[in-house]
Amino acid sequence: MKKAKHLLPLALLLASAPMMQSCLDDDDNNSYVICPSSPKALVTVCPTVNGGFTMVLDDKTTLVPSNMDKSPFGNKEVRALVCYTPDKSFHGGTGVTVNRIDSIRTKLPAIDLGDKNDETYGNDPIEIVKDWVTVAEDGYLTLRVRTIWGPGHTPHHLNLLTGSNPDDPFEVELRHDAKGDTKGYFGDALIAFNLNSLSATSDKPVKIKLRWNSFSGMKTAEFDLALRPKIFDDDLSDLVSASVLR
């Protein structure tokens, strides 16, 4: 779990500056949280069999909404920014009143295609911002990214490639396809990747090594990530969010 220390300034910046009105994939609207309530956090929204949902806050805490019977994202499991207030009278002290919740674009990793990567996934530069929302937790790698966005709101595509290093299944590469939208201003967006399909040999956190093409050349970063127990036996495409950042 990560709680926001700078969520409101980031939200206001993204909402007010034209250069920040960015697009990632698909067509559905998604917005940042502008909410005076406290605390503010990054969670995993997990649908339940009865149509409701819970929110994974950290390895020890799962929050249960007291004022919402159904997930606003249907049967999709997504990462989300949430403003909530504790409701200690509900569900043994883990209940919360959800004041505002907004999904983050949530995807599964893609397969490394070797020589076809540039053609398929693009290789445009992108930066990863060191921020409270850039975090590996609950089997997800959530990233705040920064790149150039043009005035036409052309959708950019981001993919996280796996399988590039046969000796290390946890080495991944972030690929950015700007779709020719490379003239404009720097702006930020959020995206999350569900890595729970990766196989771990133990219940201890794995070391994720991330590579990406930045504006100053190739960069790497490492994250400790605890993968969740395998729960979903169905097609993992059901976990992909239909959300989009604008």
Protein backbone atom coordinates (compact mmCIF):
# COMPACT_ATOMS: atom_id res chain seq x y z
CA MET A 1 0.00 0.00 0.00
CA LYS A 2 1.07 3.55 -0.66
CA LYS A 3 -0.64 6.57 0.82
CA ALA A 4 -0.48 9.85 -1.03
CA LYS A 5 1.65 12.65 0.27
CA HIS A 6 1.51 14.69 -2.92
CA LEU A 7 -1.63 13.39 -4.64
CA LEU A 8 -3.56 16.65 -4.64
CA PRO A 9 -0.77 18.80 -6.20
CA LEU A 10 -0.21 16.12 -8.83
CA ALA A 11 -3.90 15.93 -9.56
CA LEU A 12 -4.27 19.69 -9.88
CA LEU A 13 -1.23 19.86 -12.11
CA LEU A 14 -2.55 17.15 -14.38
CA ALA A 15 -6.01 18.67 -14.51
CA SER A 16 -4.96 22.24 -15.14
CA ALA A 17 -2.02 22.06 -17.54
CA PRO A 18 -2.86 21.38 -21.21
CA MET A 19 0.38 19.48 -21.64
CA MET A 20 -0.79 16.96 -19.05
CA GLN A 21 -3.96 15.90 -20.86
CA SER A 22 -2.45 12.63 -22.01
CA CYS A 23 -3.81 9.39 -23.41
CA LEU A 24 -2.84 5.78 -22.86
CA ASP A 25 -4.39 3.06 -25.03
CA ASP A 26 -8.10 2.39 -25.68
CA ASP A 27 -10.99 4.84 -25.47
CA ASP A 28 -12.51 4.94 -21.98
CA ASN A 29 -12.14 8.02 -19.80
CA ASN A 30 -10.22 7.93 -16.56
CA SER A 31 -9.30 10.78 -14.25
CA TYR A 32 -6.98 11.55 -11.40
CA VAL A 33 -8.36 11.99 -7.91
CA ILE A 34 -8.97 15.49 -6.63
CA CYS A 35 -10.36 14.86 -3.19
CA PRO A 36 -10.07 16.64 0.16
CA SER A 37 -10.72 13.45 2.13
CA SER A 38 -7.96 11.65 3.98
CA PRO A 39 -6.29 9.23 3.70
CA LYS A 40 -5.58 8.79 0.03
CA ALA A 41 -4.10 5.52 -1.17
CA LEU A 42 -3.20 3.22 -4.05
CA VAL A 43 -5.08 -0.09 -3.90
CA THR A 44 -6.02 -3.17 -5.89
CA VAL A 45 -9.76 -3.42 -6.49
CA CYS A 46 -10.70 -7.11 -6.27
CA PRO A 47 -14.23 -8.21 -7.31
CA THR A 48 -15.90 -10.84 -5.12
CA VAL A 49 -18.20 -13.70 -6.07
CA ASN A 50 -21.28 -11.90 -4.77
CA GLY A 51 -20.73 -8.92 -7.09
CA GLY A 52 -19.11 -6.76 -4.46
CA PHE A 53 -15.45 -5.90 -4.08
CA THR A 54 -12.63 -5.43 -1.62
CA MET A 55 -9.54 -3.24 -1.83
CA VAL A 56 -6.10 -4.67 -1.10
CA LEU A 57 -4.25 -1.98 0.81
CA ASP A 58 -1.10 -3.89 1.80
CA ASP A 59 0.07 -7.41 2.60
CA LYS A 60 -1.84 -7.37 5.89
CA THR A 61 -4.88 -5.20 5.21
CA THR A 62 -7.88 -5.59 2.96
CA LEU A 63 -10.47 -2.82 3.07
CA VAL A 64 -14.19 -3.44 2.63
CA PRO A 65 -16.38 -0.57 1.33
CA SER A 66 -19.34 0.12 3.57
CA ASN A 67 -21.15 2.43 1.15
CA MET A 68 -20.81 0.54 -2.15
CA ASP A 69 -22.42 -2.82 -2.95
CA LYS A 70 -20.79 -3.30 -6.37
CA SER A 71 -17.49 -2.46 -7.96
CA PRO A 72 -17.65 0.50 -10.35
CA PHE A 73 -15.33 -1.52 -12.61
CA GLY A 74 -17.54 -4.60 -12.93
CA ASN A 75 -15.65 -7.90 -12.79
CA LYS A 76 -12.31 -6.31 -13.64
CA GLU A 77 -9.45 -6.41 -11.17
CA VAL A 78 -7.68 -3.07 -11.41
CA ARG A 79 -5.31 -0.80 -9.57
CA ALA A 80 -6.97 2.39 -8.41
CA LEU A 81 -6.48 5.64 -6.54
CA VAL A 82 -8.96 5.96 -3.71
CA CYS A 83 -10.02 8.59 -1.21
CA TYR A 84 -11.66 7.00 1.81
CA THR A 85 -12.50 7.54 5.45
CA PRO A 86 -12.40 4.70 8.02
CA ASP A 87 -15.71 3.17 9.07
CA LYS A 88 -14.76 1.31 12.25
CA SER A 89 -18.30 0.10 12.78
CA PHE A 90 -18.19 -2.01 9.62
CA HIS A 91 -16.53 -5.38 8.97
CA GLY A 92 -14.39 -5.65 12.07
CA GLY A 93 -12.64 -2.33 11.71
CA THR A 94 -11.52 -2.80 8.08
CA GLY A 95 -14.58 -1.05 6.66
CA VAL A 96 -14.23 2.27 4.86
CA THR A 97 -16.45 4.83 3.25
CA VAL A 98 -15.28 5.37 -0.31
CA ASN A 99 -15.41 9.07 -1.16
CA ARG A 100 -13.83 8.83 -4.61
CA ILE A 101 -12.22 6.04 -6.58
CA ASP A 102 -10.57 6.17 -10.00
CA SER A 103 -9.08 3.24 -11.84
CA ILE A 104 -5.58 3.22 -13.30
CA ARG A 105 -4.99 1.74 -16.74
CA THR A 106 -4.21 -1.89 -15.81
CA LYS A 107 -2.66 -4.39 -18.22
CA LEU A 108 -1.07 -7.81 -18.42
CA PRO A 109 2.51 -8.13 -19.66
CA ALA A 110 3.23 -8.85 -23.32
CA ILE A 111 5.61 -11.38 -24.85
CA ASP A 112 9.03 -10.27 -26.04
CA LEU A 113 9.18 -10.73 -29.82
CA GLY A 114 12.90 -10.16 -30.30
CA ASP A 115 13.65 -8.44 -33.60
CA LYS A 116 9.96 -7.55 -34.01
CA ASN A 117 9.74 -5.58 -30.75
CA ASP A 118 10.34 -2.15 -32.32
CA GLU A 119 7.74 -2.76 -35.03
CA THR A 120 5.16 -4.24 -32.66
CA TYR A 121 5.64 -2.28 -29.44
CA GLY A 122 7.56 0.84 -30.51
CA ASN A 123 10.73 2.19 -28.93
CA ASP A 124 9.94 5.82 -28.19
CA PRO A 125 11.62 7.32 -25.12
CA ILE A 126 9.83 7.58 -21.80
CA GLU A 127 10.81 8.42 -18.24
CA ILE A 128 9.76 6.70 -15.01
CA VAL A 129 9.16 9.15 -12.19
CA LYS A 130 10.32 8.33 -8.67
CA ASP A 131 7.09 8.89 -6.79
CA TRP A 132 4.83 7.26 -4.21
CA VAL A 133 2.72 5.78 -7.02
CA THR A 134 5.75 4.15 -8.67
CA VAL A 135 5.68 0.98 -6.62
CA ALA A 136 5.74 -2.83 -6.79
CA GLU A 137 3.15 -4.43 -4.52
CA ASP A 138 0.36 -7.01 -4.51
CA GLY A 139 1.84 -8.60 -7.66
CA TYR A 140 1.52 -5.35 -9.62
CA LEU A 141 4.10 -2.94 -10.98
CA THR A 142 2.52 0.50 -10.96
CA LEU A 143 4.40 3.32 -12.68
CA ARG A 144 4.13 7.05 -12.99
CA VAL A 145 5.57 7.79 -16.43
CA ARG A 146 6.56 11.00 -18.19
CA THR A 147 6.87 11.65 -21.91
CA ILE A 148 5.97 14.16 -24.63
CA TRP A 149 2.30 14.58 -25.55
CA GLY A 150 1.00 16.54 -28.51
CA PRO A 151 -2.14 18.70 -28.63
CA GLY A 152 -4.13 16.12 -30.61
CA HIS A 153 -4.54 13.64 -27.70
CA THR A 154 -3.17 10.77 -29.78
CA PRO A 155 -3.37 7.55 -27.71
CA HIS A 156 0.05 6.27 -26.67
CA HIS A 157 0.62 2.55 -26.11
CA LEU A 158 2.69 1.14 -23.25
CA ASN A 159 3.60 -2.53 -22.88
CA LEU A 160 5.71 -4.43 -20.39
CA LEU A 161 7.62 -7.23 -22.12
CA THR A 162 8.54 -10.49 -20.43
CA GLY A 163 10.66 -13.39 -21.66
CA SER A 164 13.59 -11.38 -23.00
CA ASN A 165 16.10 -13.02 -20.65
CA PRO A 166 15.80 -16.83 -20.51
CA ASP A 167 18.02 -16.86 -17.42
CA ASP A 168 15.87 -14.38 -15.50
CA PRO A 169 12.08 -14.52 -15.91
CA PHE A 170 11.77 -11.42 -13.74
CA GLU A 171 13.69 -9.14 -16.12
CA VAL A 172 11.13 -7.01 -17.96
CA GLU A 173 11.22 -4.14 -20.42
CA LEU A 174 8.85 -1.18 -20.70
CA ARG A 175 8.08 -0.29 -24.31
CA HIS A 176 6.46 2.97 -25.46
CA ASP A 177 4.79 3.57 -28.81
CA ALA A 178 3.90 7.26 -29.16
CA LYS A 179 2.17 6.62 -32.50
CA GLY A 180 4.08 9.54 -34.00
CA ASP A 181 2.94 11.91 -31.24
CA THR A 182 6.44 13.19 -30.40
CA LYS A 183 6.05 16.98 -30.65
CA GLY A 184 4.57 18.84 -27.73
CA TYR A 185 5.09 19.09 -23.99
CA PHE A 186 6.11 16.76 -21.20
CA GLY A 187 3.27 15.29 -19.18
CA ASP A 188 2.66 12.42 -16.77
CA ALA A 189 0.34 9.43 -16.61
CA LEU A 190 -0.14 6.28 -14.53
CA ILE A 191 -0.17 2.68 -15.67
CA ALA A 192 -0.15 -0.65 -13.82
CA PHE A 193 0.94 -4.12 -14.93
CA ASN A 194 -0.35 -7.33 -13.36
CA LEU A 195 2.66 -9.63 -12.95
CA ASN A 196 0.91 -12.30 -10.90
CA SER A 197 1.05 -14.68 -13.88
CA LEU A 198 4.83 -14.97 -13.40
CA SER A 199 5.93 -18.11 -11.62
CA ALA A 200 7.83 -17.76 -8.37
CA THR A 201 9.77 -20.59 -6.72
CA SER A 202 8.92 -19.45 -3.20
CA ASP A 203 6.61 -17.14 -1.30
CA LYS A 204 9.41 -14.62 -0.81
CA PRO A 205 9.49 -11.38 -2.84
CA VAL A 206 11.16 -11.63 -6.24
CA LYS A 207 13.52 -9.06 -7.69
CA ILE A 208 11.98 -7.38 -10.73
CA LYS A 209 14.57 -5.79 -13.01
CA LEU A 210 12.98 -3.16 -15.24
CA ARG A 211 14.62 -1.75 -18.38
CA TRP A 212 13.35 1.16 -20.49
CA ASN A 213 14.50 3.58 -23.18
CA SER A 214 14.68 7.03 -21.56
CA PHE A 215 15.37 10.38 -23.17
CA SER A 216 19.01 9.96 -22.11
CA GLY A 217 19.43 6.32 -23.16
CA MET A 218 18.68 2.94 -21.59
CA LYS A 219 18.00 2.86 -17.85
CA THR A 220 17.30 0.12 -15.32
CA ALA A 221 15.65 -0.10 -11.92
CA GLU A 222 14.95 -2.93 -9.51
CA PHE A 223 11.84 -3.57 -7.44
CA ASP A 224 11.08 -6.17 -4.75
CA LEU A 225 7.69 -7.67 -5.57
CA ALA A 226 5.68 -10.25 -3.66
CA LEU A 227 3.54 -12.21 -6.11
CA ARG A 228 0.09 -13.21 -4.96
CA PRO A 229 -1.01 -16.86 -4.71
CA LYS A 230 -2.58 -18.11 -7.92
CA ILE A 231 -6.33 -17.50 -7.59
CA PHE A 232 -7.56 -17.08 -11.14
CA ASP A 233 -7.71 -20.22 -13.29
CA ASP A 234 -9.66 -18.56 -16.08
CA ASP A 235 -8.31 -16.51 -18.96
CA LEU A 236 -6.25 -13.72 -17.36
CA SER A 237 -7.56 -11.32 -19.98
CA ASP A 238 -10.51 -10.88 -17.63
CA LEU A 239 -8.19 -8.92 -15.38
CA VAL A 240 -7.41 -6.24 -17.96
CA SER A 241 -9.05 -2.92 -17.21
CA ALA A 242 -10.98 -1.02 -19.84
CA SER A 243 -9.82 2.22 -18.29
CA VAL A 244 -7.71 4.91 -19.97
CA LEU A 245 -5.89 7.95 -18.70
CA ARG A 246 -6.66 11.26 -20.37
